[in-house]
Protein backbone atom coordinates (compact mmCIF):
# COMPACT_ATOMS: atom_id res chain seq x y z
CA MET A 1 116.59 117.57 99.89
CA PHE A 2 114.80 120.94 100.24
CA SER A 3 113.19 121.98 103.33
CA SER A 4 109.52 122.94 103.24
CA TYR A 5 110.44 126.58 104.08
CA THR A 6 112.52 126.79 101.00
CA ILE A 7 109.83 125.41 98.98
CA ALA A 8 107.14 127.66 100.49
CA LEU A 9 109.46 130.72 99.93
CA THR A 10 110.17 129.86 96.39
CA LEU A 11 106.41 129.26 95.64
CA ASN A 12 105.73 132.58 97.35
CA TYR A 13 108.08 134.41 95.08
CA LEU A 14 106.57 132.58 91.98
CA VAL A 15 103.00 133.58 92.88
CA ARG A 16 104.06 137.14 93.40
CA PHE A 17 105.80 137.21 90.17
CA ILE A 18 102.65 135.73 88.37
CA ASN A 19 100.46 138.24 90.02
CA ILE A 20 102.77 141.22 88.93
CA LEU A 21 102.72 139.93 85.48
CA ILE A 22 99.05 139.73 85.32
CA LEU A 23 98.81 143.31 86.52
CA VAL A 24 101.36 144.42 84.07
CA ARG A 25 99.26 142.65 81.23
CA ILE A 26 96.08 144.74 82.76
CA MET A 27 98.01 147.85 82.50
CA MET A 28 99.44 147.07 79.00
CA SER A 29 95.81 146.62 77.78
CA TRP A 30 95.36 150.27 78.71
CA ILE A 31 98.22 151.72 76.75
CA ARG A 32 98.22 149.17 73.78
CA PRO A 33 102.04 148.79 73.46
CA ASN A 34 103.77 147.51 70.32
CA PRO A 35 103.11 143.76 70.28
CA SER A 36 106.58 143.08 68.60
CA ASN A 37 108.26 144.27 71.74
CA PRO A 38 110.03 141.26 73.33
CA ILE A 39 108.97 142.38 76.85
CA VAL A 40 105.42 142.62 75.80
CA GLN A 41 105.67 139.10 74.06
CA PHE A 42 107.07 137.59 77.26
CA VAL A 43 104.26 139.16 79.49
CA TYR A 44 101.53 137.72 77.12
CA ALA A 45 103.30 134.38 76.74
CA ALA A 46 103.76 134.03 80.42
CA THR A 47 100.14 135.15 81.31
CA GLU A 48 98.09 133.50 78.69
CA PRO A 49 98.24 129.98 79.89
CA ILE A 50 96.74 131.30 83.10
CA LEU A 51 94.11 133.79 81.66
CA ALA A 52 92.87 131.68 78.79
CA PRO A 53 91.23 128.94 81.26
CA ALA A 54 89.90 131.71 83.43
CA ARG A 55 88.13 133.38 80.28
CA ASN A 56 86.77 129.92 79.27
CA LEU A 57 85.52 129.56 82.84
CA ILE A 58 83.82 132.85 82.97
CA HIS A 59 82.22 132.45 79.49
CA ASN A 60 81.12 128.68 79.86
CA VAL A 61 79.75 129.05 83.52
CA PHE A 62 78.51 132.46 83.66
CA GLY A 63 77.80 132.95 79.89
CA TYR A 64 79.56 136.41 80.16
CA ASN A 65 81.08 137.60 76.88
CA GLY A 66 81.05 141.30 77.50
CA ILE A 67 83.41 144.27 77.13
CA LEU A 68 85.10 144.02 80.42
CA ASP A 69 87.70 141.07 80.91
CA PHE A 70 87.35 139.79 84.43
CA ALA A 71 89.67 136.84 83.65
CA PRO A 72 92.77 138.62 85.51
CA ILE A 73 90.66 138.95 88.70
CA VAL A 74 89.51 135.32 88.50
CA ALA A 75 93.07 134.04 87.63
CA ILE A 76 94.67 135.86 90.50
CA PHE A 77 91.86 134.56 92.86
CA ILE A 78 92.60 130.98 91.54
CA VAL A 79 96.41 131.26 91.98
CA GLN A 80 96.05 132.58 95.45
CA ILE A 81 93.65 129.54 96.27
CA VAL A 82 96.09 126.96 94.74
CA TYR A 83 98.97 128.62 96.58
CA SER A 84 97.17 128.43 100.01
CA ILE A 85 96.15 124.70 99.27
CA ILE A 86 99.85 123.86 98.42
CA LEU A 87 101.12 125.65 101.59
CA ARG A 88 98.72 123.71 103.73
CA LEU A 89 100.06 120.55 102.16
CA LEU A 90 103.57 121.42 103.04
């Protein structure tokens, strides 16, 4: 039905969009925007399912519970790994 190229291209756009949302969330943590803003709510709702498991992984495996949140870095890294694995399977 769909060619593997179309699936790969769509997946590429999705991964880029997820990475941009994670980076926007990092920047929002620096400026503390109004949490009732619909854009802010969308960014948090879209990225939290990705960042929460990364936070749990960092806390449970490394025992880190410090000031800096390394979950976005880990999440971007994991998303890229999953993306490359799926591309190889196509």
